């Protein structure tokens, strides 16, 4: 798979691993300087990786995969693919290819963190997977809706920088006119300490369903 071979992918992997290593290694120092609850102190080793993915995960994913669909349509190679398989299979295959890359990166990062934490928190791991799944689905949807790869690169960067800020603002704002929008962002469900984060997988599925609907009705 190309995602495991590119220079940009290598850089992203190194950023994830270096962040995981140093945030876990110096977690105790960080904990001594901040007043944390028992739950927060228990999971302090993952804070660096989680902050990185919350703030820049969408940016990383868009940077690597913004043209996963529209590159095929822009270069007309999609015509050769659809003679061998369905468009739905192409889109699902693209999604799982990207998903497996990120699952591999996150799993390795959590294993690295576990060396210092001496455990793997499966709840936080699952929350992280749900966030990345939603971010991948959004990137694929963008690639289907926007036909030009260059434009999706630009919009991917803009979305990667603005969505985390917008998401956190919606979660904590008291503005009744926009507060309802927090229910369609993954950040609201990640902020809760229960299994409502599973809704994020539903949001990702809805985006993929809509992307597939548009993709199957678009001319090659």
C-alpha atoms as a PDB file:
ATOM      1  CA  UNK A   1       0.000   0.000   0.000  1.00  0.00           C
ATOM      2  CA  UNK A   2       1.326   3.456  -0.981  1.00  0.00           C
ATOM      3  CA  UNK A   3       0.603   5.024   2.397  1.00  0.00           C
ATOM      4  CA  UNK A   4       3.288   2.859   3.991  1.00  0.00           C
ATOM      5  CA  UNK A   5       5.896   3.890   1.402  1.00  0.00           C
ATOM      6  CA  UNK A   6       5.717   7.657   0.926  1.00  0.00           C
ATOM      7  CA  UNK A   7       8.021  10.224   2.492  1.00  0.00           C
ATOM      8  CA  UNK A   8       5.075  12.185   3.905  1.00  0.00           C
ATOM      9  CA  UNK A   9       3.744   9.013   5.514  1.00  0.00           C
ATOM     10  CA  UNK A  10       7.134   8.324   7.089  1.00  0.00           C
ATOM     11  CA  UNK A  11       7.241  11.854   8.509  1.00  0.00           C
ATOM     12  CA  UNK A  12       3.735  11.494   9.978  1.00  0.00           C
ATOM     13  CA  UNK A  13       4.615   8.115  11.495  1.00  0.00           C
ATOM     14  CA  UNK A  14       7.742   9.557  13.077  1.00  0.00           C
ATOM     15  CA  UNK A  15       5.785  12.507  14.496  1.00  0.00           C
ATOM     16  CA  UNK A  16       3.285  10.112  16.071  1.00  0.00           C
ATOM     17  CA  UNK A  17       5.957   7.859  17.526  1.00  0.00           C
ATOM     18  CA  UNK A  18       8.193  10.649  18.801  1.00  0.00           C
ATOM     19  CA  UNK A  19       5.216  12.401  20.401  1.00  0.00           C
ATOM     20  CA  UNK A  20       4.047   9.144  21.994  1.00  0.00           C
ATOM     21  CA  UNK A  21       7.517   8.339  23.290  1.00  0.00           C
ATOM     22  CA  UNK A  22       8.331  11.675  24.878  1.00  0.00           C
ATOM     23  CA  UNK A  23       4.846  12.378  26.235  1.00  0.00           C
ATOM     24  CA  UNK A  24       4.834   8.971  27.913  1.00  0.00           C
ATOM     25  CA  UNK A  25       8.441   9.217  29.103  1.00  0.00           C
ATOM     26  CA  UNK A  26       7.978  12.610  30.752  1.00  0.00           C
ATOM     27  CA  UNK A  27       4.377  12.085  31.876  1.00  0.00           C
ATOM     28  CA  UNK A  28       5.345  11.988  35.546  1.00  0.00           C
ATOM     29  CA  UNK A  29       7.120  15.336  35.256  1.00  0.00           C
ATOM     30  CA  UNK A  30       4.056  16.838  33.585  1.00  0.00           C
ATOM     31  CA  UNK A  31       1.795  15.359  36.247  1.00  0.00           C
ATOM     32  CA  UNK A  32       3.797  16.946  39.045  1.00  0.00           C
ATOM     33  CA  UNK A  33       3.295  20.423  37.590  1.00  0.00           C
ATOM     34  CA  UNK A  34      -0.441  20.225  36.903  1.00  0.00           C
ATOM     35  CA  UNK A  35      -3.366  19.667  39.227  1.00  0.00           C
ATOM     36  CA  UNK A  36      -5.113  16.593  37.782  1.00  0.00           C
ATOM     37  CA  UNK A  37      -7.975  14.375  38.849  1.00  0.00           C
ATOM     38  CA  UNK A  38      -7.313  10.712  39.592  1.00  0.00           C
ATOM     39  CA  UNK A  39      -8.730   9.710  36.197  1.00  0.00           C
ATOM     40  CA  UNK A  40      -6.649  12.287  34.330  1.00  0.00           C
ATOM     41  CA  UNK A  41      -3.500  11.293  36.208  1.00  0.00           C
ATOM     42  CA  UNK A  42      -4.120   7.639  35.348  1.00  0.00           C
ATOM     43  CA  UNK A  43      -4.195   8.434  31.636  1.00  0.00           C
ATOM     44  CA  UNK A  44      -1.537  11.137  31.562  1.00  0.00           C
ATOM     45  CA  UNK A  45       0.788   8.991  29.432  1.00  0.00           C
ATOM     46  CA  UNK A  46      -1.519   9.255  26.430  1.00  0.00           C
ATOM     47  CA  UNK A  47      -2.039  13.005  26.588  1.00  0.00           C
ATOM     48  CA  UNK A  48       0.595  13.874  23.990  1.00  0.00           C
ATOM     49  CA  UNK A  49      -0.701  11.469  21.362  1.00  0.00           C
ATOM     50  CA  UNK A  50      -4.340  12.387  22.017  1.00  0.00           C
ATOM     51  CA  UNK A  51      -3.652  16.118  21.789  1.00  0.00           C
ATOM     52  CA  UNK A  52      -1.752  15.590  18.542  1.00  0.00           C
ATOM     53  CA  UNK A  53      -4.598  13.622  16.942  1.00  0.00           C
ATOM     54  CA  UNK A  54      -7.328  15.920  18.243  1.00  0.00           C
ATOM     55  CA  UNK A  55      -5.610  19.062  16.974  1.00  0.00           C
ATOM     56  CA  UNK A  56      -3.822  17.817  13.857  1.00  0.00           C
ATOM     57  CA  UNK A  57      -5.282  14.388  13.035  1.00  0.00           C
ATOM     58  CA  UNK A  58      -7.598  15.754  10.344  1.00  0.00           C
ATOM     59  CA  UNK A  59      -4.719  17.743   8.893  1.00  0.00           C
ATOM     60  CA  UNK A  60      -2.447  14.679   8.746  1.00  0.00           C
ATOM     61  CA  UNK A  61      -5.112  12.468   7.180  1.00  0.00           C
ATOM     62  CA  UNK A  62      -6.080  15.091   4.606  1.00  0.00           C
ATOM     63  CA  UNK A  63      -2.432  15.694   3.772  1.00  0.00           C
ATOM     64  CA  UNK A  64      -1.880  12.015   2.975  1.00  0.00           C
ATOM     65  CA  UNK A  65      -5.247  11.043   1.480  1.00  0.00           C
ATOM     66  CA  UNK A  66      -7.084  14.138   0.226  1.00  0.00           C
ATOM     67  CA  UNK A  67      -6.939  12.887  -3.384  1.00  0.00           C
ATOM     68  CA  UNK A  68      -7.760   9.249  -2.739  1.00  0.00           C
ATOM     69  CA  UNK A  69     -10.869   9.389  -4.964  1.00  0.00           C
ATOM     70  CA  UNK A  70     -10.663  12.528  -7.068  1.00  0.00           C
ATOM     71  CA  UNK A  71      -7.160  11.703  -8.295  1.00  0.00           C
ATOM     72  CA  UNK A  72      -8.632   8.653  -9.997  1.00  0.00           C
ATOM     73  CA  UNK A  73     -11.452  10.646 -11.574  1.00  0.00           C
ATOM     74  CA  UNK A  74      -9.224  13.594 -12.495  1.00  0.00           C
ATOM     75  CA  UNK A  75      -6.730  11.353 -14.321  1.00  0.00           C
ATOM     76  CA  UNK A  76      -9.533   9.195 -15.805  1.00  0.00           C
ATOM     77  CA  UNK A  77      -8.060   6.016 -14.308  1.00  0.00           C
ATOM     78  CA  UNK A  78     -11.404   5.405 -12.633  1.00  0.00           C
ATOM     79  CA  UNK A  79     -12.716   4.208 -16.015  1.00  0.00           C
ATOM     80  CA  UNK A  80     -10.352   1.231 -15.924  1.00  0.00           C
ATOM     81  CA  UNK A  81     -11.183   0.438 -12.303  1.00  0.00           C
ATOM     82  CA  UNK A  82     -14.955   0.392 -12.786  1.00  0.00           C
ATOM     83  CA  UNK A  83     -14.614  -2.211 -15.564  1.00  0.00           C
ATOM     84  CA  UNK A  84     -13.224  -4.636 -12.983  1.00  0.00           C
ATOM     85  CA  UNK A  85     -15.223  -3.822  -9.870  1.00  0.00           C
ATOM     86  CA  UNK A  86     -18.049  -1.613  -8.600  1.00  0.00           C
ATOM     87  CA  UNK A  87     -17.640   1.966  -7.472  1.00  0.00           C
ATOM     88  CA  UNK A  88     -18.827   0.996  -4.007  1.00  0.00           C
ATOM     89  CA  UNK A  89     -16.036  -1.585  -3.796  1.00  0.00           C
ATOM     90  CA  UNK A  90     -13.510   1.036  -4.884  1.00  0.00           C
ATOM     91  CA  UNK A  91     -14.644   3.521  -2.248  1.00  0.00           C
ATOM     92  CA  UNK A  92     -14.808   0.907   0.529  1.00  0.00           C
ATOM     93  CA  UNK A  93     -11.405  -0.437  -0.487  1.00  0.00           C
ATOM     94  CA  UNK A  94      -9.900   3.048  -0.382  1.00  0.00           C
ATOM     95  CA  UNK A  95     -11.416   3.644   3.045  1.00  0.00           C
ATOM     96  CA  UNK A  96     -10.143   0.412   4.572  1.00  0.00           C
ATOM     97  CA  UNK A  97      -6.700   0.914   3.049  1.00  0.00           C
ATOM     98  CA  UNK A  98      -6.379   4.301   4.760  1.00  0.00           C
ATOM     99  CA  UNK A  99      -8.022   2.979   7.932  1.00  0.00           C
ATOM    100  CA  UNK A 100      -5.568   0.079   8.253  1.00  0.00           C
ATOM    101  CA  UNK A 101      -2.636   2.457   7.873  1.00  0.00           C
ATOM    102  CA  UNK A 102      -3.861   4.634  10.730  1.00  0.00           C
ATOM    103  CA  UNK A 103      -4.886   1.700  12.891  1.00  0.00           C
ATOM    104  CA  UNK A 104      -1.347   0.357  12.532  1.00  0.00           C
ATOM    105  CA  UNK A 105       0.173   3.729  13.480  1.00  0.00           C
ATOM    106  CA  UNK A 106      -2.094   4.197  16.493  1.00  0.00           C
ATOM    107  CA  UNK A 107      -1.605   0.626  17.711  1.00  0.00           C
ATOM    108  CA  UNK A 108       2.181   0.953  17.562  1.00  0.00           C
ATOM    109  CA  UNK A 109       1.953   4.308  19.368  1.00  0.00           C
ATOM    110  CA  UNK A 110      -0.156   2.812  22.173  1.00  0.00           C
ATOM    111  CA  UNK A 111       2.216  -0.137  22.501  1.00  0.00           C
ATOM    112  CA  UNK A 112       5.082   2.329  22.836  1.00  0.00           C
ATOM    113  CA  UNK A 113       3.157   4.268  25.484  1.00  0.00           C
ATOM    114  CA  UNK A 114       2.388   1.036  27.348  1.00  0.00           C
ATOM    115  CA  UNK A 115       6.108   0.535  27.971  1.00  0.00           C
ATOM    116  CA  UNK A 116       6.013   3.511  30.322  1.00  0.00           C
ATOM    117  CA  UNK A 117       2.378   3.283  31.497  1.00  0.00           C
ATOM    118  CA  UNK A 118       2.608  -0.526  31.919  1.00  0.00           C
ATOM    119  CA  UNK A 119      -0.882  -0.903  30.492  1.00  0.00           C
ATOM    120  CA  UNK A 120      -2.991  -0.161  27.428  1.00  0.00           C
ATOM    121  CA  UNK A 121      -6.239   1.651  28.109  1.00  0.00           C
ATOM    122  CA  UNK A 122      -8.620  -0.018  25.660  1.00  0.00           C
ATOM    123  CA  UNK A 123     -11.306   2.602  26.270  1.00  0.00           C
ATOM    124  CA  UNK A 124      -9.059   5.500  25.205  1.00  0.00           C
ATOM    125  CA  UNK A 125      -7.662   3.370  22.389  1.00  0.00           C
ATOM    126  CA  UNK A 126     -11.200   2.771  21.095  1.00  0.00           C
ATOM    127  CA  UNK A 127     -12.050   6.467  21.393  1.00  0.00           C
ATOM    128  CA  UNK A 128      -8.959   7.324  19.364  1.00  0.00           C
ATOM    129  CA  UNK A 129      -9.891   4.797  16.684  1.00  0.00           C
ATOM    130  CA  UNK A 130     -13.389   6.286  16.460  1.00  0.00           C
ATOM    131  CA  UNK A 131     -11.974   9.789  15.973  1.00  0.00           C
ATOM    132  CA  UNK A 132      -9.570   8.699  13.239  1.00  0.00           C
ATOM    133  CA  UNK A 133     -12.345   6.705  11.525  1.00  0.00           C
ATOM    134  CA  UNK A 134     -14.522   9.823  11.390  1.00  0.00           C
ATOM    135  CA  UNK A 135     -11.644  11.936  10.093  1.00  0.00           C
ATOM    136  CA  UNK A 136     -10.919   9.414   7.329  1.00  0.00           C
ATOM    137  CA  UNK A 137     -14.584   9.307   6.316  1.00  0.00           C
ATOM    138  CA  UNK A 138     -14.687  13.104   6.140  1.00  0.00           C
ATOM    139  CA  UNK A 139     -11.556  13.157   3.969  1.00  0.00           C
ATOM    140  CA  UNK A 140     -13.041  10.617   1.557  1.00  0.00           C
ATOM    141  CA  UNK A 141     -16.309  12.560   1.405  1.00  0.00           C
ATOM    142  CA  UNK A 142     -14.367  15.707   0.564  1.00  0.00           C
ATOM    143  CA  UNK A 143     -12.452  13.841  -2.140  1.00  0.00           C
ATOM    144  CA  UNK A 144     -15.717  12.658  -3.706  1.00  0.00           C
ATOM    145  CA  UNK A 145     -17.473  16.031  -3.569  1.00  0.00           C
ATOM    146  CA  UNK A 146     -14.529  18.093  -4.868  1.00  0.00           C
ATOM    147  CA  UNK A 147     -13.273  16.951  -8.297  1.00  0.00           C
ATOM    148  CA  UNK A 148      -9.934  18.795  -8.246  1.00  0.00           C
ATOM    149  CA  UNK A 149      -7.137  17.258  -6.103  1.00  0.00           C
ATOM    150  CA  UNK A 150      -5.449  20.614  -5.613  1.00  0.00           C
ATOM    151  CA  UNK A 151      -8.611  22.094  -4.157  1.00  0.00           C
ATOM    152  CA  UNK A 152      -9.139  19.216  -1.735  1.00  0.00           C
ATOM    153  CA  UNK A 153      -5.564  19.699  -0.518  1.00  0.00           C
ATOM    154  CA  UNK A 154      -6.347  23.341   0.267  1.00  0.00           C
ATOM    155  CA  UNK A 155      -9.732  22.563   1.832  1.00  0.00           C
ATOM    156  CA  UNK A 156      -8.201  19.662   3.766  1.00  0.00           C
ATOM    157  CA  UNK A 157      -5.671  22.018   5.340  1.00  0.00           C
ATOM    158  CA  UNK A 158      -8.370  24.579   6.151  1.00  0.00           C
ATOM    159  CA  UNK A 159     -10.631  21.890   7.645  1.00  0.00           C
ATOM    160  CA  UNK A 160      -7.737  20.360   9.562  1.00  0.00           C
ATOM    161  CA  UNK A 161      -6.967  23.694  11.212  1.00  0.00           C
ATOM    162  CA  UNK A 162     -10.505  24.955  11.821  1.00  0.00           C
ATOM    163  CA  UNK A 163     -12.576  21.857  12.683  1.00  0.00           C
ATOM    164  CA  UNK A 164     -10.827  21.125  16.023  1.00  0.00           C
ATOM    165  CA  UNK A 165     -11.262  24.749  17.118  1.00  0.00           C
ATOM    166  CA  UNK A 166     -14.872  24.831  15.959  1.00  0.00           C
ATOM    167  CA  UNK A 167     -15.606  21.452  17.537  1.00  0.00           C
ATOM    168  CA  UNK A 168     -14.271  22.410  20.973  1.00  0.00           C
ATOM    169  CA  UNK A 169     -16.085  25.744  20.822  1.00  0.00           C
ATOM    170  CA  UNK A 170     -19.391  24.046  20.033  1.00  0.00           C
ATOM    171  CA  UNK A 171     -18.937  21.627  22.930  1.00  0.00           C
ATOM    172  CA  UNK A 172     -18.394  24.355  25.514  1.00  0.00           C
ATOM    173  CA  UNK A 173     -20.378  27.306  24.111  1.00  0.00           C
ATOM    174  CA  UNK A 174     -23.530  28.525  25.837  1.00  0.00           C
ATOM    175  CA  UNK A 175     -24.940  30.036  22.627  1.00  0.00           C
ATOM    176  CA  UNK A 176     -28.311  28.334  22.202  1.00  0.00           C
ATOM    177  CA  UNK A 177     -28.445  29.095  18.470  1.00  0.00           C
ATOM    178  CA  UNK A 178     -25.431  26.956  17.597  1.00  0.00           C
ATOM    179  CA  UNK A 179     -25.106  24.683  20.619  1.00  0.00           C
ATOM    180  CA  UNK A 180     -27.149  21.931  18.901  1.00  0.00           C
ATOM    181  CA  UNK A 181     -24.381  21.521  16.304  1.00  0.00           C
ATOM    182  CA  UNK A 182     -22.144  19.846  18.882  1.00  0.00           C
ATOM    183  CA  UNK A 183     -24.121  16.629  18.380  1.00  0.00           C
ATOM    184  CA  UNK A 184     -22.770  16.270  14.825  1.00  0.00           C
ATOM    185  CA  UNK A 185     -19.140  16.686  15.865  1.00  0.00           C
ATOM    186  CA  UNK A 186     -16.987  13.869  17.263  1.00  0.00           C
ATOM    187  CA  UNK A 187     -15.534  16.098  19.981  1.00  0.00           C
ATOM    188  CA  UNK A 188     -18.763  16.151  21.986  1.00  0.00           C
ATOM    189  CA  UNK A 189     -18.791  12.358  22.288  1.00  0.00           C
ATOM    190  CA  UNK A 190     -15.074  12.165  23.060  1.00  0.00           C
ATOM    191  CA  UNK A 191     -15.451  14.641  25.896  1.00  0.00           C
ATOM    192  CA  UNK A 192     -17.893  12.290  27.638  1.00  0.00           C
ATOM    193  CA  UNK A 193     -16.512   9.425  29.734  1.00  0.00           C
ATOM    194  CA  UNK A 194     -18.947   6.788  28.521  1.00  0.00           C
ATOM    195  CA  UNK A 195     -19.569   4.678  25.448  1.00  0.00           C
ATOM    196  CA  UNK A 196     -21.415   7.384  23.532  1.00  0.00           C
ATOM    197  CA  UNK A 197     -18.218   7.694  21.465  1.00  0.00           C
ATOM    198  CA  UNK A 198     -19.679   4.803  19.453  1.00  0.00           C
ATOM    199  CA  UNK A 199     -21.927   7.429  17.839  1.00  0.00           C
ATOM    200  CA  UNK A 200     -18.796   8.673  16.078  1.00  0.00           C
ATOM    201  CA  UNK A 201     -18.677   5.436  14.081  1.00  0.00           C
ATOM    202  CA  UNK A 202     -22.285   6.137  13.067  1.00  0.00           C
ATOM    203  CA  UNK A 203     -21.302   9.635  11.904  1.00  0.00           C
ATOM    204  CA  UNK A 204     -18.467   8.131   9.870  1.00  0.00           C
ATOM    205  CA  UNK A 205     -20.842   5.586   8.344  1.00  0.00           C
ATOM    206  CA  UNK A 206     -23.265   8.343   7.343  1.00  0.00           C
ATOM    207  CA  UNK A 207     -20.511  10.300   5.620  1.00  0.00           C
ATOM    208  CA  UNK A 208     -19.336   7.204   3.753  1.00  0.00           C
ATOM    209  CA  UNK A 209     -22.912   6.397   2.730  1.00  0.00           C
ATOM    210  CA  UNK A 210     -23.378   9.891   1.310  1.00  0.00           C
ATOM    211  CA  UNK A 211     -19.967   9.758  -0.388  1.00  0.00           C
ATOM    212  CA  UNK A 212     -20.909   6.447  -1.994  1.00  0.00           C
ATOM    213  CA  UNK A 213     -24.270   7.876  -3.123  1.00  0.00           C
ATOM    214  CA  UNK A 214     -22.566  10.799  -4.883  1.00  0.00           C
ATOM    215  CA  UNK A 215     -19.720   8.667  -6.258  1.00  0.00           C
ATOM    216  CA  UNK A 216     -22.081   6.189  -7.886  1.00  0.00           C
ATOM    217  CA  UNK A 217     -23.971   8.955  -9.677  1.00  0.00           C
ATOM    218  CA  UNK A 218     -20.977  10.873 -10.969  1.00  0.00           C
ATOM    219  CA  UNK A 219     -19.729  10.565 -14.521  1.00  0.00           C
ATOM    220  CA  UNK A 220     -16.260   9.060 -14.979  1.00  0.00           C
END
